[in-house]
Amino acid sequence: TKAPMIPELGMDYLVEVSADQYYGPTTLGAV
């Protein structure tokens, strides 16, 4: 299973790295 699909991992955030580039979903630790 893709890791972000496990809610308990806390990979809940999508980071807007630039106007057209996103990273995530990831954790606040990655942020």
All heavy atoms as atom14 arrays in JSON, in Angstrom:
{
  "sequence": "TKAPMIPELGMDYLVEVSADQYYGPTTLGAV",
  "atom14_mask": [
    [1, 1, 1, 1, 1, 1, 1, 0, 0, 0, 0, 0, 0, 0],
    [1, 1, 1, 1, 1, 1, 1, 1, 1, 0, 0, 0, 0, 0],
    [1, 1, 1, 1, 1, 0, 0, 0, 0, 0, 0, 0, 0, 0],
    [1, 1, 1, 1, 1, 1, 1, 0, 0, 0, 0, 0, 0, 0],
    [1, 1, 1, 1, 1, 1, 1, 1, 0, 0, 0, 0, 0, 0],
    [1, 1, 1, 1, 1, 1, 1, 1, 0, 0, 0, 0, 0, 0],
    [1, 1, 1, 1, 1, 1, 1, 0, 0, 0, 0, 0, 0, 0],
    [1, 1, 1, 1, 1, 1, 1, 1, 1, 0, 0, 0, 0, 0],
    [1, 1, 1, 1, 1, 1, 1, 1, 0, 0, 0, 0, 0, 0],
    [1, 1, 1, 1, 0, 0, 0, 0, 0, 0, 0, 0, 0, 0],
    [1, 1, 1, 1, 1, 1, 1, 1, 0, 0, 0, 0, 0, 0],
    [1, 1, 1, 1, 1, 1, 1, 1, 0, 0, 0, 0, 0, 0],
    [1, 1, 1, 1, 1, 1, 1, 1, 1, 1, 1, 1, 0, 0],
    [1, 1, 1, 1, 1, 1, 1, 1, 0, 0, 0, 0, 0, 0],
    [1, 1, 1, 1, 1, 1, 1, 0, 0, 0, 0, 0, 0, 0],
    [1, 1, 1, 1, 1, 1, 1, 1, 1, 0, 0, 0, 0, 0],
    [1, 1, 1, 1, 1, 1, 1, 0, 0, 0, 0, 0, 0, 0],
    [1, 1, 1, 1, 1, 1, 0, 0, 0, 0, 0, 0, 0, 0],
    [1, 1, 1, 1, 1, 0, 0, 0, 0, 0, 0, 0, 0, 0],
    [1, 1, 1, 1, 1, 1, 1, 1, 0, 0, 0, 0, 0, 0],
    [1, 1, 1, 1, 1, 1, 1, 1, 1, 0, 0, 0, 0, 0],
    [1, 1, 1, 1, 1, 1, 1, 1, 1, 1, 1, 1, 0, 0],
    [1, 1, 1, 1, 1, 1, 1, 1, 1, 1, 1, 1, 0, 0],
    [1, 1, 1, 1, 0, 0, 0, 0, 0, 0, 0, 0, 0, 0],
    [1, 1, 1, 1, 1, 1, 1, 0, 0, 0, 0, 0, 0, 0],
    [1, 1, 1, 1, 1, 1, 1, 0, 0, 0, 0, 0, 0, 0],
    [1, 1, 1, 1, 1, 1, 1, 0, 0, 0, 0, 0, 0, 0],
    [1, 1, 1, 1, 1, 1, 1, 1, 0, 0, 0, 0, 0, 0],
    [1, 1, 1, 1, 0, 0, 0, 0, 0, 0, 0, 0, 0, 0],
    [1, 1, 1, 1, 1, 0, 0, 0, 0, 0, 0, 0, 0, 0],
    [1, 1, 1, 1, 1, 1, 1, 0, 0, 0, 0, 0, 0, 0]
  ],
  "atom14_positions": [
    [[0.85, -1.18, 0.0], [0.0, 0.0, 0.0], [0.89, 1.23, 0.0], [1.9, 1.27, 0.71], [-0.88, 0.03, 1.28], [-1.64, -1.18, 1.32], [-1.8, 1.22, 1.28], [0.0, 0.0, 0.0], [0.0, 0.0, 0.0], [0.0, 0.0, 0.0], [0.0, 0.0, 0.0], [0.0, 0.0, 0.0], [0.0, 0.0, 0.0], [0.0, 0.0, 0.0]],
    [[0.53, 2.24, -0.81], [1.32, 3.48, -0.77], [1.26, 4.05, 0.64], [0.2, 4.1, 1.27], [0.8, 4.49, -1.78], [1.2, 4.12, -3.19], [1.08, 5.27, -4.13], [1.61, 4.83, -5.48], [1.48, 5.88, -6.46], [0.0, 0.0, 0.0], [0.0, 0.0, 0.0], [0.0, 0.0, 0.0], [0.0, 0.0, 0.0], [0.0, 0.0, 0.0]],
    [[2.42, 4.45, 1.15], [2.54, 4.89, 2.54], [1.52, 5.96, 2.93], [0.95, 5.88, 4.02], [3.97, 5.37, 2.8], [0.0, 0.0, 0.0], [0.0, 0.0, 0.0], [0.0, 0.0, 0.0], [0.0, 0.0, 0.0], [0.0, 0.0, 0.0], [0.0, 0.0, 0.0], [0.0, 0.0, 0.0], [0.0, 0.0, 0.0], [0.0, 0.0, 0.0]],
    [[1.24, 6.98, 2.1], [0.28, 8.01, 2.51], [-1.13, 7.48, 2.76], [-1.95, 8.15, 3.38], [0.29, 9.01, 1.35], [1.62, 8.83, 0.7], [1.91, 7.36, 0.84], [0.0, 0.0, 0.0], [0.0, 0.0, 0.0], [0.0, 0.0, 0.0], [0.0, 0.0, 0.0], [0.0, 0.0, 0.0], [0.0, 0.0, 0.0], [0.0, 0.0, 0.0]],
    [[-1.42, 6.26, 2.29], [-2.75, 5.69, 2.49], [-2.94, 5.16, 3.91], [-4.05, 4.8, 4.28], [-2.99, 4.56, 1.48], [-2.92, 5.02, 0.03], [-4.12, 6.31, -0.37], [-5.63, 5.41, -0.23], [0.0, 0.0, 0.0], [0.0, 0.0, 0.0], [0.0, 0.0, 0.0], [0.0, 0.0, 0.0], [0.0, 0.0, 0.0], [0.0, 0.0, 0.0]],
    [[-1.88, 5.1, 4.69], [-1.97, 4.64, 6.08], [-2.1, 5.89, 6.95], [-1.12, 6.59, 7.19], [-0.71, 3.83, 6.49], [-0.44, 2.7, 5.5], [-0.84, 3.34, 7.92], [-1.51, 1.64, 5.42], [0.0, 0.0, 0.0], [0.0, 0.0, 0.0], [0.0, 0.0, 0.0], [0.0, 0.0, 0.0], [0.0, 0.0, 0.0], [0.0, 0.0, 0.0]],
    [[-3.31, 6.21, 7.42], [-3.55, 7.46, 8.15], [-2.65, 7.65, 9.37], [-2.23, 8.76, 9.67], [-5.01, 7.37, 8.58], [-5.62, 6.31, 7.75], [-4.52, 5.4, 7.3], [0.0, 0.0, 0.0], [0.0, 0.0, 0.0], [0.0, 0.0, 0.0], [0.0, 0.0, 0.0], [0.0, 0.0, 0.0], [0.0, 0.0, 0.0], [0.0, 0.0, 0.0]],
    [[-2.3, 6.55, 10.04], [-1.5, 6.65, 11.25], [-0.07, 7.11, 11.0], [0.64, 7.48, 11.94], [-1.48, 5.3, 11.98], [-2.83, 4.87, 12.53], [-3.73, 4.18, 11.51], [-3.33, 4.06, 10.33], [-4.85, 3.79, 11.89], [0.0, 0.0, 0.0], [0.0, 0.0, 0.0], [0.0, 0.0, 0.0], [0.0, 0.0, 0.0], [0.0, 0.0, 0.0]],
    [[0.37, 7.13, 9.75], [1.72, 7.64, 9.44], [1.74, 9.17, 9.41], [2.81, 9.77, 9.4], [2.22, 7.07, 8.11], [2.59, 5.59, 8.11], [3.03, 5.15, 6.73], [3.65, 5.29, 9.15], [0.0, 0.0, 0.0], [0.0, 0.0, 0.0], [0.0, 0.0, 0.0], [0.0, 0.0, 0.0], [0.0, 0.0, 0.0], [0.0, 0.0, 0.0]],
    [[0.58, 9.78, 9.37], [0.52, 11.25, 9.41], [1.01, 11.93, 8.14], [1.41, 13.09, 8.18], [0.0, 0.0, 0.0], [0.0, 0.0, 0.0], [0.0, 0.0, 0.0], [0.0, 0.0, 0.0], [0.0, 0.0, 0.0], [0.0, 0.0, 0.0], [0.0, 0.0, 0.0], [0.0, 0.0, 0.0], [0.0, 0.0, 0.0], [0.0, 0.0, 0.0]],
    [[0.97, 11.24, 7.03], [1.4, 11.83, 5.76], [0.19, 12.56, 5.16], [-0.39, 12.13, 4.18], [1.96, 10.75, 4.83], [3.18, 10.06, 5.41], [3.86, 8.77, 4.36], [4.72, 9.75, 3.13], [0.0, 0.0, 0.0], [0.0, 0.0, 0.0], [0.0, 0.0, 0.0], [0.0, 0.0, 0.0], [0.0, 0.0, 0.0], [0.0, 0.0, 0.0]],
    [[-0.15, 13.68, 5.78], [-1.4, 14.38, 5.48], [-1.23, 15.68, 4.71], [-2.22, 16.33, 4.39], [-2.12, 14.71, 6.79], [-2.47, 13.47, 7.59], [-2.69, 12.41, 6.98], [-2.51, 13.57, 8.83], [0.0, 0.0, 0.0], [0.0, 0.0, 0.0], [0.0, 0.0, 0.0], [0.0, 0.0, 0.0], [0.0, 0.0, 0.0], [0.0, 0.0, 0.0]],
    [[-0.01, 16.1, 4.41], [0.2, 17.45, 3.89], [0.79, 17.46, 2.49], [1.73, 16.74, 2.19], [1.1, 18.25, 4.85], [0.45, 18.37, 6.19], [0.73, 17.47, 7.2], [-0.51, 19.35, 6.44], [0.1, 17.55, 8.44], [-1.15, 19.44, 7.66], [-0.84, 18.53, 8.65], [-1.47, 18.61, 9.85], [0.0, 0.0, 0.0], [0.0, 0.0, 0.0]],
    [[0.22, 18.31, 1.67], [0.7, 18.55, 0.32], [1.43, 19.88, 0.34], [0.86, 20.9, 0.77], [-0.49, 18.58, -0.64], [-0.21, 18.49, -2.12], [0.49, 17.18, -2.46], [-1.51, 18.58, -2.89], [0.0, 0.0, 0.0], [0.0, 0.0, 0.0], [0.0, 0.0, 0.0], [0.0, 0.0, 0.0], [0.0, 0.0, 0.0], [0.0, 0.0, 0.0]],
    [[2.68, 19.9, -0.09], [3.53, 21.09, -0.05], [3.57, 21.72, -1.43], [3.91, 21.05, -2.41], [4.98, 20.74, 0.39], [5.83, 21.99, 0.49], [4.97, 19.96, 1.68], [0.0, 0.0, 0.0], [0.0, 0.0, 0.0], [0.0, 0.0, 0.0], [0.0, 0.0, 0.0], [0.0, 0.0, 0.0], [0.0, 0.0, 0.0], [0.0, 0.0, 0.0]],
    [[3.24, 23.01, -1.51], [3.33, 23.73, -2.78], [4.76, 24.25, -2.92], [5.1, 25.33, -2.46], [2.33, 24.89, -2.81], [2.27, 25.56, -4.16], [1.18, 26.63, -4.22], [0.2, 26.56, -3.46], [1.34, 27.53, -5.05], [0.0, 0.0, 0.0], [0.0, 0.0, 0.0], [0.0, 0.0, 0.0], [0.0, 0.0, 0.0], [0.0, 0.0, 0.0]],
    [[5.62, 23.45, -3.55], [7.03, 23.78, -3.69], [7.22, 24.98, -4.6], [8.08, 25.82, -4.38], [7.83, 22.56, -4.2], [9.3, 22.88, -4.35], [7.65, 21.37, -3.24], [0.0, 0.0, 0.0], [0.0, 0.0, 0.0], [0.0, 0.0, 0.0], [0.0, 0.0, 0.0], [0.0, 0.0, 0.0], [0.0, 0.0, 0.0], [0.0, 0.0, 0.0]],
    [[6.42, 25.07, -5.65], [6.42, 26.23, -6.54], [5.0, 26.34, -7.1], [4.14, 25.52, -6.8], [7.45, 26.08, -7.66], [7.1, 25.02, -8.52], [0.0, 0.0, 0.0], [0.0, 0.0, 0.0], [0.0, 0.0, 0.0], [0.0, 0.0, 0.0], [0.0, 0.0, 0.0], [0.0, 0.0, 0.0], [0.0, 0.0, 0.0], [0.0, 0.0, 0.0]],
    [[4.78, 27.34, -7.95], [3.43, 27.58, -8.48], [2.85, 26.37, -9.2], [1.64, 26.16, -9.21], [3.45, 28.78, -9.4], [0.0, 0.0, 0.0], [0.0, 0.0, 0.0], [0.0, 0.0, 0.0], [0.0, 0.0, 0.0], [0.0, 0.0, 0.0], [0.0, 0.0, 0.0], [0.0, 0.0, 0.0], [0.0, 0.0, 0.0], [0.0, 0.0, 0.0]],
    [[3.69, 25.54, -9.79], [3.2, 24.39, -10.54], [3.8, 23.07, -10.08], [3.76, 22.08, -10.78], [3.45, 24.59, -12.03], [4.92, 24.76, -12.35], [5.72, 24.99, -11.42], [5.28, 24.68, -13.53], [0.0, 0.0, 0.0], [0.0, 0.0, 0.0], [0.0, 0.0, 0.0], [0.0, 0.0, 0.0], [0.0, 0.0, 0.0], [0.0, 0.0, 0.0]],
    [[4.39, 23.05, -8.89], [5.03, 21.83, -8.39], [4.62, 21.57, -6.95], [4.74, 22.45, -6.09], [6.54, 21.95, -8.5], [7.28, 20.7, -8.11], [8.79, 20.86, -8.23], [9.29, 21.94, -8.45], [9.49, 19.78, -8.08], [0.0, 0.0, 0.0], [0.0, 0.0, 0.0], [0.0, 0.0, 0.0], [0.0, 0.0, 0.0], [0.0, 0.0, 0.0]],
    [[4.13, 20.36, -6.7], [3.69, 19.96, -5.37], [4.47, 18.72, -4.93], [4.92, 17.94, -5.76], [2.2, 19.64, -5.36], [1.34, 20.85, -5.61], [1.04, 21.25, -6.91], [0.85, 21.6, -4.56], [0.27, 22.37, -7.14], [0.07, 22.72, -4.78], [-0.21, 23.1, -6.07], [-0.98, 24.21, -6.3], [0.0, 0.0, 0.0], [0.0, 0.0, 0.0]],
    [[4.6, 18.58, -3.61], [5.23, 17.38, -3.05], [4.31, 16.83, -1.98], [3.84, 17.56, -1.12], [6.59, 17.71, -2.44], [7.27, 16.49, -1.87], [8.01, 15.64, -2.69], [7.15, 16.17, -0.51], [8.62, 14.51, -2.18], [7.77, 15.04, 0.0], [8.5, 14.22, -0.83], [9.1, 13.1, -0.33], [0.0, 0.0, 0.0], [0.0, 0.0, 0.0]],
    [[4.09, 15.53, -2.0], [3.3, 14.93, -0.95], [2.31, 13.92, -1.5], [2.36, 13.59, -2.67], [0.0, 0.0, 0.0], [0.0, 0.0, 0.0], [0.0, 0.0, 0.0], [0.0, 0.0, 0.0], [0.0, 0.0, 0.0], [0.0, 0.0, 0.0], [0.0, 0.0, 0.0], [0.0, 0.0, 0.0], [0.0, 0.0, 0.0], [0.0, 0.0, 0.0]],
    [[1.44, 13.49, -0.62], [1.3, 13.92, 0.77], [2.47, 13.43, 1.62], [3.02, 12.37, 1.39], [-0.01, 13.3, 1.22], [-0.35, 12.25, 0.22], [0.43, 12.53, -1.01], [0.0, 0.0, 0.0], [0.0, 0.0, 0.0], [0.0, 0.0, 0.0], [0.0, 0.0, 0.0], [0.0, 0.0, 0.0], [0.0, 0.0, 0.0], [0.0, 0.0, 0.0]],
    [[2.82, 14.25, 2.6], [3.96, 13.97, 3.45], [3.69, 14.43, 4.87], [2.62, 14.96, 5.16], [5.23, 14.61, 2.86], [6.37, 14.08, 3.53], [5.2, 16.13, 2.96], [0.0, 0.0, 0.0], [0.0, 0.0, 0.0], [0.0, 0.0, 0.0], [0.0, 0.0, 0.0], [0.0, 0.0, 0.0], [0.0, 0.0, 0.0], [0.0, 0.0, 0.0]],
    [[4.66, 14.26, 5.73], [4.51, 14.61, 7.14], [5.02, 16.02, 7.42], [5.73, 16.61, 6.6], [5.32, 13.65, 8.03], [6.71, 13.8, 7.7], [4.89, 12.2, 7.83], [0.0, 0.0, 0.0], [0.0, 0.0, 0.0], [0.0, 0.0, 0.0], [0.0, 0.0, 0.0], [0.0, 0.0, 0.0], [0.0, 0.0, 0.0], [0.0, 0.0, 0.0]],
    [[4.68, 16.51, 8.59], [5.22, 17.81, 9.01], [6.73, 17.72, 9.21], [7.44, 18.71, 9.04], [4.52, 18.3, 10.28], [3.07, 18.71, 10.1], [2.44, 19.08, 11.44], [2.93, 19.86, 9.12], [0.0, 0.0, 0.0], [0.0, 0.0, 0.0], [0.0, 0.0, 0.0], [0.0, 0.0, 0.0], [0.0, 0.0, 0.0], [0.0, 0.0, 0.0]],
    [[7.23, 16.54, 9.51], [8.69, 16.35, 9.62], [9.37, 16.61, 8.29], [10.45, 17.22, 8.23], [0.0, 0.0, 0.0], [0.0, 0.0, 0.0], [0.0, 0.0, 0.0], [0.0, 0.0, 0.0], [0.0, 0.0, 0.0], [0.0, 0.0, 0.0], [0.0, 0.0, 0.0], [0.0, 0.0, 0.0], [0.0, 0.0, 0.0], [0.0, 0.0, 0.0]],
    [[8.76, 16.16, 7.2], [9.32, 16.42, 5.87], [9.23, 17.9, 5.54], [10.16, 18.47, 4.94], [8.59, 15.59, 4.81], [0.0, 0.0, 0.0], [0.0, 0.0, 0.0], [0.0, 0.0, 0.0], [0.0, 0.0, 0.0], [0.0, 0.0, 0.0], [0.0, 0.0, 0.0], [0.0, 0.0, 0.0], [0.0, 0.0, 0.0], [0.0, 0.0, 0.0]],
    [[8.15, 18.55, 5.95], [8.02, 19.99, 5.74], [9.15, 20.71, 6.48], [9.77, 21.63, 5.94], [6.63, 20.49, 6.23], [6.55, 22.01, 6.18], [5.52, 19.86, 5.4], [0.0, 0.0, 0.0], [0.0, 0.0, 0.0], [0.0, 0.0, 0.0], [0.0, 0.0, 0.0], [0.0, 0.0, 0.0], [0.0, 0.0, 0.0], [0.0, 0.0, 0.0]]
  ]
}
